[in-house]
Amino acid sequence: ESVFSVITGAIILHEAMDPRGYLGCLLIFGA
């Protein structure tokens, strides 16, 4: 669910994060 929220946010709303943010997402998803 959390991964799809980032993907759809990027495609539809053109949201973007810096590498630091994506690393944070990766840690949260892993946890």
All heavy atoms as atom14 arrays in JSON, in Angstrom:
{
  "sequence": "ESVFSVITGAIILHEAMDPRGYLGCLLIFGA",
  "atom14_mask": [
    [1, 1, 1, 1, 1, 1, 1, 1, 1, 0, 0, 0, 0, 0],
    [1, 1, 1, 1, 1, 1, 0, 0, 0, 0, 0, 0, 0, 0],
    [1, 1, 1, 1, 1, 1, 1, 0, 0, 0, 0, 0, 0, 0],
    [1, 1, 1, 1, 1, 1, 1, 1, 1, 1, 1, 0, 0, 0],
    [1, 1, 1, 1, 1, 1, 0, 0, 0, 0, 0, 0, 0, 0],
    [1, 1, 1, 1, 1, 1, 1, 0, 0, 0, 0, 0, 0, 0],
    [1, 1, 1, 1, 1, 1, 1, 1, 0, 0, 0, 0, 0, 0],
    [1, 1, 1, 1, 1, 1, 1, 0, 0, 0, 0, 0, 0, 0],
    [1, 1, 1, 1, 0, 0, 0, 0, 0, 0, 0, 0, 0, 0],
    [1, 1, 1, 1, 1, 0, 0, 0, 0, 0, 0, 0, 0, 0],
    [1, 1, 1, 1, 1, 1, 1, 1, 0, 0, 0, 0, 0, 0],
    [1, 1, 1, 1, 1, 1, 1, 1, 0, 0, 0, 0, 0, 0],
    [1, 1, 1, 1, 1, 1, 1, 1, 0, 0, 0, 0, 0, 0],
    [1, 1, 1, 1, 1, 1, 1, 1, 1, 1, 0, 0, 0, 0],
    [1, 1, 1, 1, 1, 1, 1, 1, 1, 0, 0, 0, 0, 0],
    [1, 1, 1, 1, 1, 0, 0, 0, 0, 0, 0, 0, 0, 0],
    [1, 1, 1, 1, 1, 1, 1, 1, 0, 0, 0, 0, 0, 0],
    [1, 1, 1, 1, 1, 1, 1, 1, 0, 0, 0, 0, 0, 0],
    [1, 1, 1, 1, 1, 1, 1, 0, 0, 0, 0, 0, 0, 0],
    [1, 1, 1, 1, 1, 1, 1, 1, 1, 1, 1, 0, 0, 0],
    [1, 1, 1, 1, 0, 0, 0, 0, 0, 0, 0, 0, 0, 0],
    [1, 1, 1, 1, 1, 1, 1, 1, 1, 1, 1, 1, 0, 0],
    [1, 1, 1, 1, 1, 1, 1, 1, 0, 0, 0, 0, 0, 0],
    [1, 1, 1, 1, 0, 0, 0, 0, 0, 0, 0, 0, 0, 0],
    [1, 1, 1, 1, 1, 1, 0, 0, 0, 0, 0, 0, 0, 0],
    [1, 1, 1, 1, 1, 1, 1, 1, 0, 0, 0, 0, 0, 0],
    [1, 1, 1, 1, 1, 1, 1, 1, 0, 0, 0, 0, 0, 0],
    [1, 1, 1, 1, 1, 1, 1, 1, 0, 0, 0, 0, 0, 0],
    [1, 1, 1, 1, 1, 1, 1, 1, 1, 1, 1, 0, 0, 0],
    [1, 1, 1, 1, 0, 0, 0, 0, 0, 0, 0, 0, 0, 0],
    [1, 1, 1, 1, 1, 0, 0, 0, 0, 0, 0, 0, 0, 0]
  ],
  "atom14_positions": [
    [[0.83, -1.21, 0.0], [0.0, 0.0, 0.0], [0.86, 1.26, 0.0], [0.62, 2.21, -0.76], [-0.91, -0.01, 1.23], [-1.62, 1.29, 1.51], [-2.28, 1.31, 2.88], [-2.2, 0.29, 3.6], [-2.86, 2.34, 3.24], [0.0, 0.0, 0.0], [0.0, 0.0, 0.0], [0.0, 0.0, 0.0], [0.0, 0.0, 0.0], [0.0, 0.0, 0.0]],
    [[1.9, 1.28, 0.84], [2.75, 2.46, 0.95], [3.55, 2.7, -0.33], [3.78, 3.85, -0.73], [3.69, 2.32, 2.15], [4.48, 1.16, 2.04], [0.0, 0.0, 0.0], [0.0, 0.0, 0.0], [0.0, 0.0, 0.0], [0.0, 0.0, 0.0], [0.0, 0.0, 0.0], [0.0, 0.0, 0.0], [0.0, 0.0, 0.0], [0.0, 0.0, 0.0]],
    [[3.97, 1.63, -0.99], [4.71, 1.77, -2.24], [3.81, 2.34, -3.33], [4.22, 3.25, -4.07], [5.27, 0.4, -2.69], [5.99, 0.52, -4.03], [6.21, -0.16, -1.64], [0.0, 0.0, 0.0], [0.0, 0.0, 0.0], [0.0, 0.0, 0.0], [0.0, 0.0, 0.0], [0.0, 0.0, 0.0], [0.0, 0.0, 0.0], [0.0, 0.0, 0.0]],
    [[2.58, 1.84, -3.42], [1.65, 2.34, -4.42], [1.29, 3.82, -4.17], [1.0, 4.55, -5.12], [0.38, 1.49, -4.44], [0.56, 0.16, -5.11], [0.21, -1.02, -4.44], [1.08, 0.06, -6.38], [0.37, -2.25, -5.05], [1.24, -1.18, -7.0], [0.89, -2.34, -6.34], [0.0, 0.0, 0.0], [0.0, 0.0, 0.0], [0.0, 0.0, 0.0]],
    [[1.31, 4.25, -2.92], [1.0, 5.65, -2.63], [2.07, 6.57, -3.22], [1.78, 7.65, -3.72], [0.89, 5.87, -1.11], [2.16, 5.8, -0.49], [0.0, 0.0, 0.0], [0.0, 0.0, 0.0], [0.0, 0.0, 0.0], [0.0, 0.0, 0.0], [0.0, 0.0, 0.0], [0.0, 0.0, 0.0], [0.0, 0.0, 0.0], [0.0, 0.0, 0.0]],
    [[3.34, 6.13, -3.17], [4.43, 6.92, -3.76], [4.36, 6.9, -5.28], [4.5, 7.93, -5.94], [5.8, 6.39, -3.28], [6.93, 7.05, -4.06], [5.98, 6.64, -1.8], [0.0, 0.0, 0.0], [0.0, 0.0, 0.0], [0.0, 0.0, 0.0], [0.0, 0.0, 0.0], [0.0, 0.0, 0.0], [0.0, 0.0, 0.0], [0.0, 0.0, 0.0]],
    [[4.12, 5.7, -5.85], [4.07, 5.57, -7.31], [2.94, 6.39, -7.91], [3.14, 7.16, -8.87], [3.92, 4.09, -7.71], [5.17, 3.3, -7.3], [3.69, 3.96, -9.21], [5.04, 1.8, -7.51], [0.0, 0.0, 0.0], [0.0, 0.0, 0.0], [0.0, 0.0, 0.0], [0.0, 0.0, 0.0], [0.0, 0.0, 0.0], [0.0, 0.0, 0.0]],
    [[1.73, 6.25, -7.36], [0.59, 7.0, -7.9], [0.73, 8.49, -7.63], [0.3, 9.32, -8.44], [-0.73, 6.48, -7.31], [-0.66, 6.49, -5.87], [-1.01, 5.06, -7.77], [0.0, 0.0, 0.0], [0.0, 0.0, 0.0], [0.0, 0.0, 0.0], [0.0, 0.0, 0.0], [0.0, 0.0, 0.0], [0.0, 0.0, 0.0], [0.0, 0.0, 0.0]],
    [[1.33, 8.86, -6.49], [1.56, 10.28, -6.21], [2.52, 10.89, -7.2], [2.35, 12.04, -7.64], [0.0, 0.0, 0.0], [0.0, 0.0, 0.0], [0.0, 0.0, 0.0], [0.0, 0.0, 0.0], [0.0, 0.0, 0.0], [0.0, 0.0, 0.0], [0.0, 0.0, 0.0], [0.0, 0.0, 0.0], [0.0, 0.0, 0.0], [0.0, 0.0, 0.0]],
    [[3.54, 10.14, -7.6], [4.52, 10.63, -8.57], [3.91, 10.74, -9.96], [4.13, 11.72, -10.69], [5.74, 9.71, -8.6], [0.0, 0.0, 0.0], [0.0, 0.0, 0.0], [0.0, 0.0, 0.0], [0.0, 0.0, 0.0], [0.0, 0.0, 0.0], [0.0, 0.0, 0.0], [0.0, 0.0, 0.0], [0.0, 0.0, 0.0], [0.0, 0.0, 0.0]],
    [[3.09, 9.74, -10.35], [2.5, 9.73, -11.7], [1.39, 10.76, -11.86], [1.35, 11.52, -12.83], [1.96, 8.32, -12.03], [3.12, 7.32, -12.11], [1.19, 8.33, -13.35], [2.67, 5.88, -12.29], [0.0, 0.0, 0.0], [0.0, 0.0, 0.0], [0.0, 0.0, 0.0], [0.0, 0.0, 0.0], [0.0, 0.0, 0.0], [0.0, 0.0, 0.0]],
    [[0.48, 10.8, -10.88], [-0.71, 11.64, -11.03], [-0.47, 13.07, -10.54], [-0.86, 14.04, -11.19], [-1.9, 11.02, -10.27], [-2.21, 9.63, -10.86], [-3.14, 11.92, -10.36], [-3.29, 8.87, -10.11], [0.0, 0.0, 0.0], [0.0, 0.0, 0.0], [0.0, 0.0, 0.0], [0.0, 0.0, 0.0], [0.0, 0.0, 0.0], [0.0, 0.0, 0.0]],
    [[0.19, 13.2, -9.38], [0.38, 14.53, -8.78], [1.78, 15.1, -9.03], [2.07, 16.21, -8.6], [0.13, 14.46, -7.26], [-1.26, 13.98, -6.83], [-1.35, 13.93, -5.31], [-2.35, 14.87, -7.41], [0.0, 0.0, 0.0], [0.0, 0.0, 0.0], [0.0, 0.0, 0.0], [0.0, 0.0, 0.0], [0.0, 0.0, 0.0], [0.0, 0.0, 0.0]],
    [[2.62, 14.33, -9.7], [4.0, 14.75, -10.0], [4.78, 15.07, -8.74], [5.6, 16.0, -8.72], [4.0, 15.96, -10.96], [3.2, 15.74, -12.2], [3.56, 14.84, -13.2], [2.01, 16.29, -12.61], [2.65, 14.85, -14.16], [1.7, 15.71, -13.83], [0.0, 0.0, 0.0], [0.0, 0.0, 0.0], [0.0, 0.0, 0.0], [0.0, 0.0, 0.0]],
    [[4.52, 14.31, -7.67], [5.26, 14.48, -6.43], [6.64, 13.84, -6.57], [6.8, 12.85, -7.28], [4.52, 13.85, -5.26], [3.18, 14.5, -4.96], [2.44, 13.81, -3.82], [2.83, 12.69, -3.46], [1.47, 14.39, -3.31], [0.0, 0.0, 0.0], [0.0, 0.0, 0.0], [0.0, 0.0, 0.0], [0.0, 0.0, 0.0], [0.0, 0.0, 0.0]],
    [[7.6, 14.4, -5.89], [8.96, 13.86, -5.96], [9.65, 14.04, -4.62], [9.32, 14.94, -3.84], [9.76, 14.56, -7.06], [0.0, 0.0, 0.0], [0.0, 0.0, 0.0], [0.0, 0.0, 0.0], [0.0, 0.0, 0.0], [0.0, 0.0, 0.0], [0.0, 0.0, 0.0], [0.0, 0.0, 0.0], [0.0, 0.0, 0.0], [0.0, 0.0, 0.0]],
    [[10.61, 13.16, -4.33], [11.41, 13.26, -3.12], [12.88, 13.21, -3.5], [13.25, 12.71, -4.57], [11.08, 12.1, -2.16], [9.72, 12.19, -1.5], [9.43, 10.84, -0.31], [9.16, 9.48, -1.45], [0.0, 0.0, 0.0], [0.0, 0.0, 0.0], [0.0, 0.0, 0.0], [0.0, 0.0, 0.0], [0.0, 0.0, 0.0], [0.0, 0.0, 0.0]],
    [[13.73, 13.73, -2.63], [15.16, 13.62, -2.85], [15.63, 12.22, -2.43], [14.86, 11.46, -1.85], [15.93, 14.71, -2.08], [15.64, 14.69, -0.59], [15.17, 13.65, -0.08], [15.88, 15.7, 0.08], [0.0, 0.0, 0.0], [0.0, 0.0, 0.0], [0.0, 0.0, 0.0], [0.0, 0.0, 0.0], [0.0, 0.0, 0.0], [0.0, 0.0, 0.0]],
    [[16.88, 11.84, -2.76], [17.38, 10.5, -2.4], [17.24, 10.19, -0.9], [17.0, 9.05, -0.52], [18.85, 10.55, -2.83], [18.87, 11.53, -3.96], [17.86, 12.58, -3.57], [0.0, 0.0, 0.0], [0.0, 0.0, 0.0], [0.0, 0.0, 0.0], [0.0, 0.0, 0.0], [0.0, 0.0, 0.0], [0.0, 0.0, 0.0], [0.0, 0.0, 0.0]],
    [[17.39, 11.23, -0.07], [17.25, 11.05, 1.37], [15.84, 10.55, 1.71], [15.66, 9.65, 2.53], [17.54, 12.38, 2.07], [17.36, 12.4, 3.58], [17.49, 13.84, 4.07], [17.25, 13.97, 5.49], [18.21, 13.96, 6.4], [19.47, 13.81, 6.03], [17.91, 14.09, 7.68], [0.0, 0.0, 0.0], [0.0, 0.0, 0.0], [0.0, 0.0, 0.0]],
    [[14.83, 11.13, 1.07], [13.45, 10.72, 1.31], [13.18, 9.3, 0.86], [12.49, 8.53, 1.54], [0.0, 0.0, 0.0], [0.0, 0.0, 0.0], [0.0, 0.0, 0.0], [0.0, 0.0, 0.0], [0.0, 0.0, 0.0], [0.0, 0.0, 0.0], [0.0, 0.0, 0.0], [0.0, 0.0, 0.0], [0.0, 0.0, 0.0], [0.0, 0.0, 0.0]],
    [[13.72, 8.93, -0.32], [13.53, 7.57, -0.82], [14.22, 6.55, 0.08], [13.71, 5.43, 0.27], [14.04, 7.45, -2.25], [13.13, 8.11, -3.26], [13.53, 9.24, -3.96], [11.84, 7.61, -3.5], [12.68, 9.86, -4.88], [10.99, 8.21, -4.41], [11.42, 9.34, -5.1], [10.57, 9.94, -5.99], [0.0, 0.0, 0.0], [0.0, 0.0, 0.0]],
    [[15.38, 6.91, 0.64], [16.05, 6.02, 1.58], [15.2, 5.84, 2.83], [15.09, 4.73, 3.38], [17.43, 6.59, 1.97], [18.23, 5.78, 2.99], [18.46, 4.36, 2.5], [19.56, 6.48, 3.3], [0.0, 0.0, 0.0], [0.0, 0.0, 0.0], [0.0, 0.0, 0.0], [0.0, 0.0, 0.0], [0.0, 0.0, 0.0], [0.0, 0.0, 0.0]],
    [[14.56, 6.92, 3.28], [13.65, 6.83, 4.42], [12.48, 5.91, 4.13], [12.09, 5.09, 4.97], [0.0, 0.0, 0.0], [0.0, 0.0, 0.0], [0.0, 0.0, 0.0], [0.0, 0.0, 0.0], [0.0, 0.0, 0.0], [0.0, 0.0, 0.0], [0.0, 0.0, 0.0], [0.0, 0.0, 0.0], [0.0, 0.0, 0.0], [0.0, 0.0, 0.0]],
    [[11.92, 6.02, 2.92], [10.82, 5.13, 2.51], [11.27, 3.67, 2.53], [10.53, 2.79, 2.98], [10.34, 5.5, 1.11], [9.42, 7.06, 1.02], [0.0, 0.0, 0.0], [0.0, 0.0, 0.0], [0.0, 0.0, 0.0], [0.0, 0.0, 0.0], [0.0, 0.0, 0.0], [0.0, 0.0, 0.0], [0.0, 0.0, 0.0], [0.0, 0.0, 0.0]],
    [[12.49, 3.44, 2.05], [13.02, 2.07, 2.0], [13.16, 1.49, 3.4], [12.82, 0.33, 3.65], [14.36, 2.07, 1.28], [15.03, 0.7, 1.09], [14.14, -0.21, 0.23], [16.4, 0.86, 0.45], [0.0, 0.0, 0.0], [0.0, 0.0, 0.0], [0.0, 0.0, 0.0], [0.0, 0.0, 0.0], [0.0, 0.0, 0.0], [0.0, 0.0, 0.0]],
    [[13.66, 2.31, 4.34], [13.81, 1.85, 5.72], [12.45, 1.55, 6.36], [12.29, 0.53, 7.05], [14.56, 2.89, 6.55], [16.08, 2.95, 6.35], [16.66, 4.16, 7.09], [16.74, 1.67, 6.85], [0.0, 0.0, 0.0], [0.0, 0.0, 0.0], [0.0, 0.0, 0.0], [0.0, 0.0, 0.0], [0.0, 0.0, 0.0], [0.0, 0.0, 0.0]],
    [[11.48, 2.43, 6.15], [10.15, 2.23, 6.72], [9.51, 0.97, 6.12], [8.95, 0.13, 6.84], [9.25, 3.45, 6.47], [9.75, 4.64, 7.29], [7.79, 3.14, 6.82], [8.99, 5.93, 7.02], [0.0, 0.0, 0.0], [0.0, 0.0, 0.0], [0.0, 0.0, 0.0], [0.0, 0.0, 0.0], [0.0, 0.0, 0.0], [0.0, 0.0, 0.0]],
    [[9.61, 0.82, 4.81], [9.02, -0.36, 4.16], [9.69, -1.64, 4.66], [9.01, -2.64, 4.92], [9.17, -0.25, 2.64], [8.52, -1.38, 1.9], [7.14, -1.54, 1.9], [9.28, -2.29, 1.18], [6.54, -2.58, 1.23], [8.69, -3.34, 0.5], [7.31, -3.48, 0.52], [0.0, 0.0, 0.0], [0.0, 0.0, 0.0], [0.0, 0.0, 0.0]],
    [[11.02, -1.61, 4.8], [11.73, -2.77, 5.32], [11.29, -3.12, 6.73], [11.1, -4.29, 7.07], [0.0, 0.0, 0.0], [0.0, 0.0, 0.0], [0.0, 0.0, 0.0], [0.0, 0.0, 0.0], [0.0, 0.0, 0.0], [0.0, 0.0, 0.0], [0.0, 0.0, 0.0], [0.0, 0.0, 0.0], [0.0, 0.0, 0.0], [0.0, 0.0, 0.0]],
    [[11.12, -2.09, 7.57], [10.69, -2.31, 8.95], [9.29, -2.91, 8.99], [9.01, -3.84, 9.77], [10.71, -0.99, 9.72], [0.0, 0.0, 0.0], [0.0, 0.0, 0.0], [0.0, 0.0, 0.0], [0.0, 0.0, 0.0], [0.0, 0.0, 0.0], [0.0, 0.0, 0.0], [0.0, 0.0, 0.0], [0.0, 0.0, 0.0], [0.0, 0.0, 0.0]]
  ]
}
